[in-house]
C-alpha atoms as a PDB file:
ATOM      1  CA  MET A   1     126.278 149.402  75.418  1.00  0.00           C
ATOM      2  CA  SER A   2     128.020 146.163  74.941  1.00  0.00           C
ATOM      3  CA  SER A   3     128.514 144.173  71.881  1.00  0.00           C
ATOM      4  CA  TYR A   4     127.741 140.367  71.623  1.00  0.00           C
ATOM      5  CA  LYS A   5     128.803 137.807  69.213  1.00  0.00           C
ATOM      6  CA  ASP A   6     127.930 133.901  69.192  1.00  0.00           C
ATOM      7  CA  MET A   7     130.868 132.012  69.174  1.00  0.00           C
ATOM      8  CA  ALA A   8     132.238 128.298  70.208  1.00  0.00           C
ATOM      9  CA  ILE A   9     134.837 128.208  72.948  1.00  0.00           C
ATOM     10  CA  SER A  10     137.518 127.441  70.238  1.00  0.00           C
ATOM     11  CA  LYS A  11     136.686 130.600  68.061  1.00  0.00           C
ATOM     12  CA  ALA A  12     136.709 132.787  71.396  1.00  0.00           C
ATOM     13  CA  LEU A  13     140.185 131.603  72.301  1.00  0.00           C
ATOM     14  CA  ASN A  14     141.228 132.444  68.957  1.00  0.00           C
ATOM     15  CA  ALA A  15     139.896 135.885  68.943  1.00  0.00           C
ATOM     16  CA  GLY A  16     140.825 136.315  72.583  1.00  0.00           C
ATOM     17  CA  LEU A  17     144.759 135.483  71.616  1.00  0.00           C
ATOM     18  CA  GLN A  18     144.177 137.672  68.351  1.00  0.00           C
ATOM     19  CA  GLN A  19     143.141 140.724  70.689  1.00  0.00           C
ATOM     20  CA  ALA A  20     146.295 140.256  72.604  1.00  0.00           C
ATOM     21  CA  MET A  21     148.532 140.155  69.938  1.00  0.00           C
ATOM     22  CA  LEU A  22     147.117 143.368  68.563  1.00  0.00           C
ATOM     23  CA  LYS A  23     147.442 144.936  71.891  1.00  0.00           C
ATOM     24  CA  ASN A  24     150.877 143.987  72.398  1.00  0.00           C
ATOM     25  CA  GLU A  25     153.989 143.536  69.802  1.00  0.00           C
ATOM     26  CA  LYS A  26     155.481 141.319  72.532  1.00  0.00           C
ATOM     27  CA  VAL A  27     153.065 138.713  72.531  1.00  0.00           C
ATOM     28  CA  LEU A  28     154.180 135.625  70.302  1.00  0.00           C
ATOM     29  CA  MET A  29     152.316 132.352  69.937  1.00  0.00           C
ATOM     30  CA  PHE A  30     153.922 129.191  69.027  1.00  0.00           C
ATOM     31  CA  GLY A  31     154.158 125.461  69.372  1.00  0.00           C
ATOM     32  CA  GLU A  32     153.377 122.064  67.039  1.00  0.00           C
ATOM     33  CA  ASP A  33     151.313 123.050  64.049  1.00  0.00           C
ATOM     34  CA  VAL A  34     149.808 125.977  65.576  1.00  0.00           C
ATOM     35  CA  ALA A  35     150.926 128.618  62.571  1.00  0.00           C
ATOM     36  CA  GLU A  36     149.533 127.201  58.985  1.00  0.00           C
ATOM     37  CA  LEU A  37     147.681 124.839  60.327  1.00  0.00           C
ATOM     38  CA  GLY A  38     145.845 126.320  63.232  1.00  0.00           C
ATOM     39  CA  GLY A  39     146.743 123.480  65.368  1.00  0.00           C
ATOM     40  CA  VAL A  40     144.796 120.189  65.785  1.00  0.00           C
ATOM     41  CA  PHE A  41     142.090 121.902  67.129  1.00  0.00           C
ATOM     42  CA  ARG A  42     142.278 124.877  64.530  1.00  0.00           C
ATOM     43  CA  VAL A  43     142.377 127.407  68.094  1.00  0.00           C
ATOM     44  CA  THR A  44     144.919 129.425  66.207  1.00  0.00           C
ATOM     45  CA  GLU A  45     143.612 129.048  62.797  1.00  0.00           C
ATOM     46  CA  GLY A  46     144.162 132.625  60.658  1.00  0.00           C
ATOM     47  CA  LEU A  47     146.643 133.938  63.123  1.00  0.00           C
ATOM     48  CA  TYR A  48     149.406 133.081  60.776  1.00  0.00           C
ATOM     49  CA  LYS A  49     148.330 135.001  58.139  1.00  0.00           C
ATOM     50  CA  GLU A  50     147.431 137.695  60.011  1.00  0.00           C
ATOM     51  CA  PHE A  51     150.433 138.120  62.131  1.00  0.00           C
ATOM     52  CA  GLY A  52     153.365 136.377  60.276  1.00  0.00           C
ATOM     53  CA  GLN A  53     155.838 133.863  61.244  1.00  0.00           C
ATOM     54  CA  SER A  54     157.636 136.351  63.273  1.00  0.00           C
ATOM     55  CA  ARG A  55     154.574 136.683  65.656  1.00  0.00           C
ATOM     56  CA  ILE A  56     153.211 132.801  65.525  1.00  0.00           C
ATOM     57  CA  PHE A  57     155.506 129.806  64.290  1.00  0.00           C
ATOM     58  CA  ASN A  58     155.677 125.938  64.266  1.00  0.00           C
ATOM     59  CA  THR A  59     158.335 124.398  66.684  1.00  0.00           C
ATOM     60  CA  PRO A  60     159.633 120.493  66.496  1.00  0.00           C
ATOM     61  CA  ILE A  61     157.981 117.917  68.544  1.00  0.00           C
ATOM     62  CA  ALA A  62     159.778 118.915  71.659  1.00  0.00           C
ATOM     63  CA  GLU A  63     157.682 120.039  74.636  1.00  0.00           C
ATOM     64  CA  SER A  64     160.448 120.669  76.937  1.00  0.00           C
ATOM     65  CA  GLY A  65     162.351 122.939  74.015  1.00  0.00           C
ATOM     66  CA  ILE A  66     158.699 124.791  73.479  1.00  0.00           C
ATOM     67  CA  VAL A  67     158.967 125.940  77.276  1.00  0.00           C
ATOM     68  CA  GLY A  68     162.469 126.361  77.747  1.00  0.00           C
ATOM     69  CA  THR A  69     162.246 128.961  74.839  1.00  0.00           C
ATOM     70  CA  ALA A  70     159.164 130.626  76.387  1.00  0.00           C
ATOM     71  CA  ILE A  71     161.355 131.131  79.688  1.00  0.00           C
ATOM     72  CA  GLY A  72     164.315 132.548  77.812  1.00  0.00           C
ATOM     73  CA  LEU A  73     161.667 134.638  75.481  1.00  0.00           C
ATOM     74  CA  ALA A  74     160.195 135.984  78.943  1.00  0.00           C
ATOM     75  CA  MET A  75     163.477 136.775  80.361  1.00  0.00           C
ATOM     76  CA  ARG A  76     163.939 139.201  77.294  1.00  0.00           C
ATOM     77  CA  GLY A  77     160.611 140.880  77.481  1.00  0.00           C
ATOM     78  CA  TYR A  78     158.006 138.817  75.269  1.00  0.00           C
ATOM     79  CA  ARG A  79     155.056 137.309  76.523  1.00  0.00           C
ATOM     80  CA  PRO A  80     154.984 134.080  74.935  1.00  0.00           C
ATOM     81  CA  VAL A  81     152.145 131.427  74.878  1.00  0.00           C
ATOM     82  CA  VAL A  82     152.641 128.505  73.754  1.00  0.00           C
ATOM     83  CA  GLU A  83     150.025 125.534  72.968  1.00  0.00           C
ATOM     84  CA  ILE A  84     150.602 121.763  74.330  1.00  0.00           C
ATOM     85  CA  GLN A  85     149.337 119.642  71.810  1.00  0.00           C
ATOM     86  CA  PHE A  86     147.627 117.324  73.839  1.00  0.00           C
ATOM     87  CA  ASP A  87     147.426 116.933  78.010  1.00  0.00           C
ATOM     88  CA  GLY A  88     149.406 113.804  78.201  1.00  0.00           C
ATOM     89  CA  PHE A  89     152.042 115.783  76.314  1.00  0.00           C
ATOM     90  CA  VAL A  90     153.044 118.246  79.153  1.00  0.00           C
ATOM     91  CA  PHE A  91     155.273 115.795  81.001  1.00  0.00           C
ATOM     92  CA  PRO A  92     158.396 116.129  79.190  1.00  0.00           C
ATOM     93  CA  ALA A  93     158.027 119.989  79.791  1.00  0.00           C
ATOM     94  CA  PHE A  94     157.301 119.482  83.321  1.00  0.00           C
ATOM     95  CA  ASN A  95     160.891 119.531  84.511  1.00  0.00           C
ATOM     96  CA  GLN A  96     160.770 122.999  82.692  1.00  0.00           C
ATOM     97  CA  ILE A  97     157.488 124.106  84.141  1.00  0.00           C
ATOM     98  CA  THR A  98     157.896 122.924  87.885  1.00  0.00           C
ATOM     99  CA  SER A  99     161.725 123.518  88.297  1.00  0.00           C
ATOM    100  CA  GLN A 100     162.026 126.330  86.153  1.00  0.00           C
ATOM    101  CA  LEU A 101     159.098 128.731  85.129  1.00  0.00           C
ATOM    102  CA  ALA A 102     157.356 128.331  88.523  1.00  0.00           C
ATOM    103  CA  LYS A 103     160.445 129.454  90.644  1.00  0.00           C
ATOM    104  CA  LEU A 104     162.457 131.939  88.449  1.00  0.00           C
ATOM    105  CA  THR A 105     160.287 135.291  90.136  1.00  0.00           C
ATOM    106  CA  TYR A 106     160.854 133.611  93.212  1.00  0.00           C
ATOM    107  CA  ARG A 107     164.487 132.812  92.652  1.00  0.00           C
ATOM    108  CA  SER A 108     165.162 136.417  91.486  1.00  0.00           C
ATOM    109  CA  GLU A 109     163.564 138.093  94.464  1.00  0.00           C
ATOM    110  CA  GLY A 110     160.962 139.541  92.278  1.00  0.00           C
ATOM    111  CA  SER A 111     163.158 140.991  89.688  1.00  0.00           C
ATOM    112  CA  MET A 112     162.729 138.466  86.673  1.00  0.00           C
ATOM    113  CA  GLN A 113     158.987 138.254  85.625  1.00  0.00           C
ATOM    114  CA  MET A 114     157.408 135.138  83.898  1.00  0.00           C
ATOM    115  CA  PRO A 115     154.379 136.447  81.659  1.00  0.00           C
ATOM    116  CA  VAL A 116     154.315 132.807  80.286  1.00  0.00           C
ATOM    117  CA  VAL A 117     150.952 131.307  79.186  1.00  0.00           C
ATOM    118  CA  ILE A 118     150.818 127.114  78.308  1.00  0.00           C
ATOM    119  CA  ARG A 119     147.559 126.404  76.485  1.00  0.00           C
ATOM    120  CA  ILE A 120     146.886 123.150  77.434  1.00  0.00           C
ATOM    121  CA  PRO A 121     143.798 121.489  75.830  1.00  0.00           C
ATOM    122  CA  TYR A 122     142.467 118.781  78.561  1.00  0.00           C
ATOM    123  CA  GLY A 123     139.942 116.205  79.582  1.00  0.00           C
ATOM    124  CA  GLY A 124     138.271 113.214  77.924  1.00  0.00           C
ATOM    125  CA  GLY A 125     134.956 112.914  76.056  1.00  0.00           C
ATOM    126  CA  ILE A 126     136.392 112.966  72.185  1.00  0.00           C
ATOM    127  CA  GLY A 127     136.973 109.469  71.497  1.00  0.00           C
ATOM    128  CA  ALA A 128     140.609 109.599  71.788  1.00  0.00           C
ATOM    129  CA  VAL A 129     143.247 107.222  73.333  1.00  0.00           C
ATOM    130  CA  GLU A 130     145.288 107.910  76.395  1.00  0.00           C
ATOM    131  CA  HIS A 131     147.504 110.686  76.534  1.00  0.00           C
ATOM    132  CA  HIS A 132     145.107 112.672  74.629  1.00  0.00           C
ATOM    133  CA  SER A 133     142.396 112.803  77.294  1.00  0.00           C
ATOM    134  CA  GLU A 134     144.006 113.180  80.428  1.00  0.00           C
ATOM    135  CA  SER A 135     143.272 115.917  83.409  1.00  0.00           C
ATOM    136  CA  PRO A 136     146.503 116.795  84.887  1.00  0.00           C
ATOM    137  CA  GLU A 137     145.343 119.888  86.482  1.00  0.00           C
ATOM    138  CA  ALA A 138     146.384 118.852  90.084  1.00  0.00           C
ATOM    139  CA  TYR A 139     150.345 118.557  89.379  1.00  0.00           C
ATOM    140  CA  PHE A 140     150.059 122.452  88.303  1.00  0.00           C
ATOM    141  CA  ALA A 141     147.668 123.595  90.928  1.00  0.00           C
ATOM    142  CA  HIS A 142     149.867 121.887  93.631  1.00  0.00           C
ATOM    143  CA  THR A 143     152.996 123.537  91.969  1.00  0.00           C
ATOM    144  CA  PRO A 144     153.590 127.540  93.805  1.00  0.00           C
ATOM    145  CA  GLY A 145     154.292 130.042  91.298  1.00  0.00           C
ATOM    146  CA  LEU A 146     151.722 128.641  88.888  1.00  0.00           C
ATOM    147  CA  ARG A 147     148.335 130.265  87.980  1.00  0.00           C
ATOM    148  CA  VAL A 148     146.073 127.690  86.634  1.00  0.00           C
ATOM    149  CA  VAL A 149     142.544 128.484  85.073  1.00  0.00           C
ATOM    150  CA  THR A 150     140.198 126.675  82.960  1.00  0.00           C
ATOM    151  CA  PRO A 151     137.021 128.477  80.945  1.00  0.00           C
ATOM    152  CA  SER A 152     133.820 126.773  80.684  1.00  0.00           C
ATOM    153  CA  ASN A 153     132.056 128.999  77.815  1.00  0.00           C
ATOM    154  CA  PRO A 154     133.087 131.025  75.266  1.00  0.00           C
ATOM    155  CA  ASN A 155     132.796 134.450  77.224  1.00  0.00           C
ATOM    156  CA  ASP A 156     135.448 133.030  79.465  1.00  0.00           C
ATOM    157  CA  ALA A 157     137.426 131.583  77.026  1.00  0.00           C
ATOM    158  CA  TYR A 158     137.444 134.905  75.087  1.00  0.00           C
ATOM    159  CA  TRP A 159     138.333 137.249  78.103  1.00  0.00           C
ATOM    160  CA  MET A 160     140.538 134.851  80.398  1.00  0.00           C
ATOM    161  CA  MET A 161     142.728 134.171  77.292  1.00  0.00           C
ATOM    162  CA  GLN A 162     143.368 138.188  77.398  1.00  0.00           C
ATOM    163  CA  GLN A 163     143.706 138.433  81.216  1.00  0.00           C
ATOM    164  CA  ALA A 164     146.104 135.401  81.499  1.00  0.00           C
ATOM    165  CA  ILE A 165     148.336 136.824  78.411  1.00  0.00           C
ATOM    166  CA  GLU A 166     148.303 140.132  80.816  1.00  0.00           C
ATOM    167  CA  SER A 167     149.324 138.577  84.171  1.00  0.00           C
ATOM    168  CA  SER A 168     153.142 138.836  85.022  1.00  0.00           C
ATOM    169  CA  ASP A 169     153.218 135.407  86.427  1.00  0.00           C
ATOM    170  CA  PRO A 170     152.859 132.149  84.483  1.00  0.00           C
ATOM    171  CA  VAL A 171     149.731 131.125  83.662  1.00  0.00           C
ATOM    172  CA  ILE A 172     148.425 127.294  82.894  1.00  0.00           C
ATOM    173  CA  MET A 173     145.105 127.767  80.335  1.00  0.00           C
ATOM    174  CA  LEU A 174     143.309 124.495  80.653  1.00  0.00           C
ATOM    175  CA  GLU A 175     141.018 124.444  77.854  1.00  0.00           C
ATOM    176  CA  PRO A 176     138.249 121.610  78.081  1.00  0.00           C
ATOM    177  CA  LYS A 177     138.394 119.969  74.483  1.00  0.00           C
ATOM    178  CA  ARG A 178     135.614 118.147  74.753  1.00  0.00           C
ATOM    179  CA  ARG A 179     133.589 121.759  74.818  1.00  0.00           C
ATOM    180  CA  TYR A 180     135.759 123.348  72.043  1.00  0.00           C
ATOM    181  CA  TRP A 181     132.400 123.782  69.481  1.00  0.00           C
ATOM    182  CA  GLN A 182     130.111 124.592  72.521  1.00  0.00           C
ATOM    183  CA  LYS A 183     128.461 127.694  71.408  1.00  0.00           C
ATOM    184  CA  GLY A 184     127.521 130.803  73.621  1.00  0.00           C
ATOM    185  CA  PRO A 185     127.226 134.489  73.506  1.00  0.00           C
ATOM    186  CA  VAL A 186     130.452 136.456  74.091  1.00  0.00           C
ATOM    187  CA  ASN A 187     130.447 140.005  75.343  1.00  0.00           C
ATOM    188  CA  LEU A 188     133.350 141.951  73.356  1.00  0.00           C
ATOM    189  CA  ASP A 189     133.518 144.873  75.368  1.00  0.00           C
ATOM    190  CA  THR A 190     133.641 143.945  79.013  1.00  0.00           C
ATOM    191  CA  ALA A 191     135.199 141.324  80.879  1.00  0.00           C
ATOM    192  CA  PRO A 192     132.892 139.636  83.276  1.00  0.00           C
ATOM    193  CA  MET A 193     135.089 139.329  86.211  1.00  0.00           C
ATOM    194  CA  PRO A 194     138.725 139.154  87.436  1.00  0.00           C
ATOM    195  CA  LEU A 195     140.710 135.812  86.492  1.00  0.00           C
ATOM    196  CA  HIS A 196     140.713 134.414  89.866  1.00  0.00           C
ATOM    197  CA  ASN A 197     137.195 134.683  90.880  1.00  0.00           C
ATOM    198  CA  ALA A 198     134.484 131.627  90.969  1.00  0.00           C
ATOM    199  CA  ARG A 199     130.924 132.390  89.744  1.00  0.00           C
ATOM    200  CA  VAL A 200     127.504 131.263  90.817  1.00  0.00           C
ATOM    201  CA  MET A 201     125.851 129.821  87.415  1.00  0.00           C
ATOM    202  CA  ILE A 202     122.671 128.912  89.362  1.00  0.00           C
ATOM    203  CA  GLU A 203     121.710 129.798  92.600  1.00  0.00           C
ATOM    204  CA  GLY A 204     120.000 127.289  95.067  1.00  0.00           C
ATOM    205  CA  THR A 205     119.021 126.694  98.539  1.00  0.00           C
ATOM    206  CA  GLN A 206     120.153 122.558  99.133  1.00  0.00           C
ATOM    207  CA  VAL A 207     123.183 121.588  98.260  1.00  0.00           C
ATOM    208  CA  THR A 208     126.277 123.530  96.353  1.00  0.00           C
ATOM    209  CA  LEU A 209     127.667 121.964  93.383  1.00  0.00           C
ATOM    210  CA  LEU A 210     131.088 122.548  92.399  1.00  0.00           C
ATOM    211  CA  ALA A 211     132.666 122.397  88.872  1.00  0.00           C
ATOM    212  CA  TYR A 212     135.175 123.356  86.482  1.00  0.00           C
ATOM    213  CA  GLY A 213     135.997 123.192  82.854  1.00  0.00           C
ATOM    214  CA  PRO A 214     134.633 120.457  81.224  1.00  0.00           C
ATOM    215  CA  MET A 215     131.958 119.527  84.055  1.00  0.00           C
ATOM    216  CA  VAL A 216     130.390 122.737  84.454  1.00  0.00           C
ATOM    217  CA  THR A 217     127.738 121.795  81.625  1.00  0.00           C
ATOM    218  CA  ALA A 218     127.041 118.502  83.187  1.00  0.00           C
ATOM    219  CA  ALA A 219     126.232 120.224  86.618  1.00  0.00           C
ATOM    220  CA  LEU A 220     124.076 122.506  85.109  1.00  0.00           C
ATOM    221  CA  GLN A 221     122.405 119.905  83.498  1.00  0.00           C
ATOM    222  CA  ALA A 222     122.443 117.996  86.958  1.00  0.00           C
ATOM    223  CA  ALA A 223     120.639 121.341  88.197  1.00  0.00           C
ATOM    224  CA  GLU A 224     118.381 121.751  85.726  1.00  0.00           C
ATOM    225  CA  ILE A 225     116.749 117.772  86.248  1.00  0.00           C
ATOM    226  CA  GLY A 226     117.339 118.407  90.148  1.00  0.00           C
ATOM    227  CA  ALA A 227     114.980 121.625  89.869  1.00  0.00           C
ATOM    228  CA  GLU A 228     112.561 119.190  87.945  1.00  0.00           C
ATOM    229  CA  GLU A 229     112.118 116.779  90.628  1.00  0.00           C
ATOM    230  CA  GLY A 230     111.824 119.619  93.243  1.00  0.00           C
ATOM    231  CA  VAL A 231     115.680 119.956  94.319  1.00  0.00           C
ATOM    232  CA  SER A 232     117.112 123.515  94.695  1.00  0.00           C
ATOM    233  CA  ILE A 233     120.965 122.942  94.006  1.00  0.00           C
ATOM    234  CA  GLU A 234     123.525 125.729  93.354  1.00  0.00           C
ATOM    235  CA  VAL A 235     126.019 125.533  90.837  1.00  0.00           C
ATOM    236  CA  ILE A 236     129.355 127.282  91.082  1.00  0.00           C
ATOM    237  CA  ASP A 237     131.653 127.397  88.416  1.00  0.00           C
ATOM    238  CA  LEU A 238     135.611 127.254  89.851  1.00  0.00           C
ATOM    239  CA  ARG A 239     137.156 128.916  86.730  1.00  0.00           C
ATOM    240  CA  SER A 240     140.273 129.586  88.749  1.00  0.00           C
ATOM    241  CA  LEU A 241     142.107 126.316  90.093  1.00  0.00           C
ATOM    242  CA  SER A 242     144.875 128.113  91.692  1.00  0.00           C
ATOM    243  CA  PRO A 243     144.238 130.299  93.157  1.00  0.00           C
ATOM    244  CA  ILE A 244     140.801 129.251  94.417  1.00  0.00           C
ATOM    245  CA  ASP A 245     138.106 131.626  95.458  1.00  0.00           C
ATOM    246  CA  TYR A 246     137.232 129.889  98.651  1.00  0.00           C
ATOM    247  CA  PRO A 247     135.236 132.961  99.851  1.00  0.00           C
ATOM    248  CA  THR A 248     132.645 132.263  97.455  1.00  0.00           C
ATOM    249  CA  ILE A 249     132.839 128.747  98.064  1.00  0.00           C
ATOM    250  CA  MET A 250     132.332 129.203 101.799  1.00  0.00           C
ATOM    251  CA  ALA A 251     129.612 131.776 101.005  1.00  0.00           C
ATOM    252  CA  SER A 252     127.567 129.266  99.147  1.00  0.00           C
ATOM    253  CA  VAL A 253     128.299 126.054 101.790  1.00  0.00           C
ATOM    254  CA  LYS A 254     127.314 127.988 104.860  1.00  0.00           C
ATOM    255  CA  LYS A 255     123.906 128.955 103.054  1.00  0.00           C
ATOM    256  CA  THR A 256     123.331 125.311 101.731  1.00  0.00           C
ATOM    257  CA  SER A 257     125.165 123.418 104.286  1.00  0.00           C
ATOM    258  CA  ARG A 258     125.805 120.340 101.853  1.00  0.00           C
ATOM    259  CA  ALA A 259     128.930 120.351  99.051  1.00  0.00           C
ATOM    260  CA  VAL A 260     129.439 118.146  96.100  1.00  0.00           C
ATOM    261  CA  ILE A 261     132.431 118.284  93.925  1.00  0.00           C
ATOM    262  CA  VAL A 262     133.062 117.065  90.344  1.00  0.00           C
ATOM    263  CA  HIS A 263     135.509 116.812  87.805  1.00  0.00           C
ATOM    264  CA  GLU A 264     136.763 114.321  85.332  1.00  0.00           C
ATOM    265  CA  ALA A 265     140.055 113.827  87.262  1.00  0.00           C
ATOM    266  CA  PRO A 266     140.333 110.887  89.406  1.00  0.00           C
ATOM    267  CA  THR A 267     139.404 111.635  92.931  1.00  0.00           C
ATOM    268  CA  ASN A 268     142.367 110.684  94.682  1.00  0.00           C
ATOM    269  CA  VAL A 269     144.878 113.426  95.788  1.00  0.00           C
ATOM    270  CA  SER A 270     142.790 115.929  93.264  1.00  0.00           C
ATOM    271  CA  LEU A 271     141.522 119.317  93.350  1.00  0.00           C
ATOM    272  CA  SER A 272     138.446 118.020  95.240  1.00  0.00           C
ATOM    273  CA  SER A 273     140.568 116.487  97.914  1.00  0.00           C
ATOM    274  CA  GLU A 274     142.092 119.999  98.878  1.00  0.00           C
ATOM    275  CA  ILE A 275     138.306 121.540  98.521  1.00  0.00           C
ATOM    276  CA  ALA A 276     137.275 119.285 100.597  1.00  0.00           C
ATOM    277  CA  ALA A 277     139.494 119.421 103.351  1.00  0.00           C
ATOM    278  CA  ARG A 278     139.216 123.336 103.498  1.00  0.00           C
ATOM    279  CA  ILE A 279     135.389 123.193 103.768  1.00  0.00           C
ATOM    280  CA  SER A 280     135.835 121.082 106.434  1.00  0.00           C
ATOM    281  CA  ASN A 281     138.131 123.042 108.419  1.00  0.00           C
ATOM    282  CA  GLU A 282     136.162 126.389 107.096  1.00  0.00           C
ATOM    283  CA  ALA A 283     132.525 125.378 107.330  1.00  0.00           C
ATOM    284  CA  PHE A 284     132.452 122.299 109.761  1.00  0.00           C
ATOM    285  CA  TYR A 285     129.633 123.229 112.145  1.00  0.00           C
ATOM    286  CA  ASN A 286     127.540 124.647 109.049  1.00  0.00           C
ATOM    287  CA  LEU A 287     128.068 121.034 107.149  1.00  0.00           C
ATOM    288  CA  GLU A 288     124.703 118.660 107.729  1.00  0.00           C
ATOM    289  CA  ALA A 289     126.289 116.253 105.357  1.00  0.00           C
ATOM    290  CA  PRO A 290     130.060 115.107 104.717  1.00  0.00           C
ATOM    291  CA  VAL A 291     131.198 116.854 101.554  1.00  0.00           C
ATOM    292  CA  ILE A 292     130.962 114.470  98.401  1.00  0.00           C
ATOM    293  CA  ARG A 293     133.334 114.078  95.772  1.00  0.00           C
ATOM    294  CA  VAL A 294     132.446 112.814  92.013  1.00  0.00           C
ATOM    295  CA  GLY A 295     135.370 112.063  89.590  1.00  0.00           C
ATOM    296  CA  GLY A 296     137.235 109.839  87.243  1.00  0.00           C
ATOM    297  CA  PHE A 297     137.837 106.700  88.486  1.00  0.00           C
ATOM    298  CA  ASP A 298     141.639 105.726  90.262  1.00  0.00           C
ATOM    299  CA  THR A 299     142.978 104.067  86.981  1.00  0.00           C
ATOM    300  CA  PRO A 300     144.520 105.167  83.688  1.00  0.00           C
ATOM    301  CA  TYR A 301     142.501 106.706  81.250  1.00  0.00           C
ATOM    302  CA  PRO A 302     140.300 103.928  79.575  1.00  0.00           C
ATOM    303  CA  PRO A 303     139.905 103.018  75.914  1.00  0.00           C
ATOM    304  CA  ALA A 304     137.295 105.285  73.762  1.00  0.00           C
ATOM    305  CA  LYS A 305     134.861 102.647  73.971  1.00  0.00           C
ATOM    306  CA  LEU A 306     134.551 102.665  78.004  1.00  0.00           C
ATOM    307  CA  GLU A 307     135.445 106.705  78.468  1.00  0.00           C
ATOM    308  CA  GLU A 308     131.354 107.190  79.031  1.00  0.00           C
ATOM    309  CA  ALA A 309     131.344 104.893  81.699  1.00  0.00           C
ATOM    310  CA  PHE A 310     134.522 106.751  83.007  1.00  0.00           C
ATOM    311  CA  LEU A 311     133.751 110.105  82.894  1.00  0.00           C
ATOM    312  CA  PRO A 312     130.792 111.743  85.218  1.00  0.00           C
ATOM    313  CA  ASP A 313     127.483 112.428  84.127  1.00  0.00           C
ATOM    314  CA  ALA A 314     124.506 114.374  85.271  1.00  0.00           C
ATOM    315  CA  ASP A 315     123.315 110.552  86.485  1.00  0.00           C
ATOM    316  CA  ARG A 316     126.262 110.285  88.952  1.00  0.00           C
ATOM    317  CA  ILE A 317     126.237 113.918  89.904  1.00  0.00           C
ATOM    318  CA  LEU A 318     122.507 113.818  90.971  1.00  0.00           C
ATOM    319  CA  GLU A 319     123.151 110.261  92.749  1.00  0.00           C
ATOM    320  CA  ALA A 320     125.499 112.066  94.688  1.00  0.00           C
ATOM    321  CA  ILE A 321     123.446 114.620  95.334  1.00  0.00           C
ATOM    322  CA  ASP A 322     120.769 112.347  96.904  1.00  0.00           C
ATOM    323  CA  ARG A 323     123.339 111.179  99.244  1.00  0.00           C
ATOM    324  CA  SER A 324     124.164 114.202 100.225  1.00  0.00           C
ATOM    325  CA  LEU A 325     120.277 115.257 101.136  1.00  0.00           C
ATOM    326  CA  ALA A 326     119.517 111.786 102.651  1.00  0.00           C
ATOM    327  CA  TYR A 327     121.715 112.603 105.682  1.00  0.00           C
END
């Protein structure tokens, strides 16, 4: 019989890290202010006291150095987990991630594994300025050699963290910072599914609504409102952005004949662009309407007082669903 505990997403990530560090002494955690302070979002709180400075330690404010150190440690048999303090701070490390980390296993013909997890709090909704509220997932999903995942609830946060650390490949773990304090039950005994599987959150018959990370909550809200209005919406949490679980997506779209994709990032050259193209290729004759995409606008992230107008919400999602159903 499984045991459950109610946790916030931040606490579930913390518990997942703790379990991974207990299981394997080669798991290390480092980044800016992650040790005694526990990180700016307190995701690593308490781990320094439990594991000490040889297992979790602070770094200089130098993201390229953080990832470069992780690469070197992985070469020596460790499993480093590093934190990038905010999404917009990852770009000084972009060269290390895309030119080195993503390619070393391929370059060494598989002889050199890179079991590195890069934790990135991402997305808006916390009243912060640019470089603290961005959604850079498309850059990493576009890069062969990287796995990219994002949890939307505490149970996934707990298990995906452990599964990412167990992977022999580098994993970008995108953590939806606006949902850090969202609570839910965590099954402490059994992983819900493999790391790269999508999950059907709500079954429906009229339209497929695809979301991930912070937008899953908005998608579920839209589905609840739609149900009250007599619209049956199937909600899928993608969970993994590279690789993407296309069989689950296609099975749903072929059933509903319509698809709406939502994310916080601008829609231009985005995850939704690729998913829409794949749906058009593989389920064209099943579609009763074009694939519709809902995202942030094609501008830099706005000042905090404008972010609610920038970020998709249930109303914008339902407007897109209405357009799809009108075809």
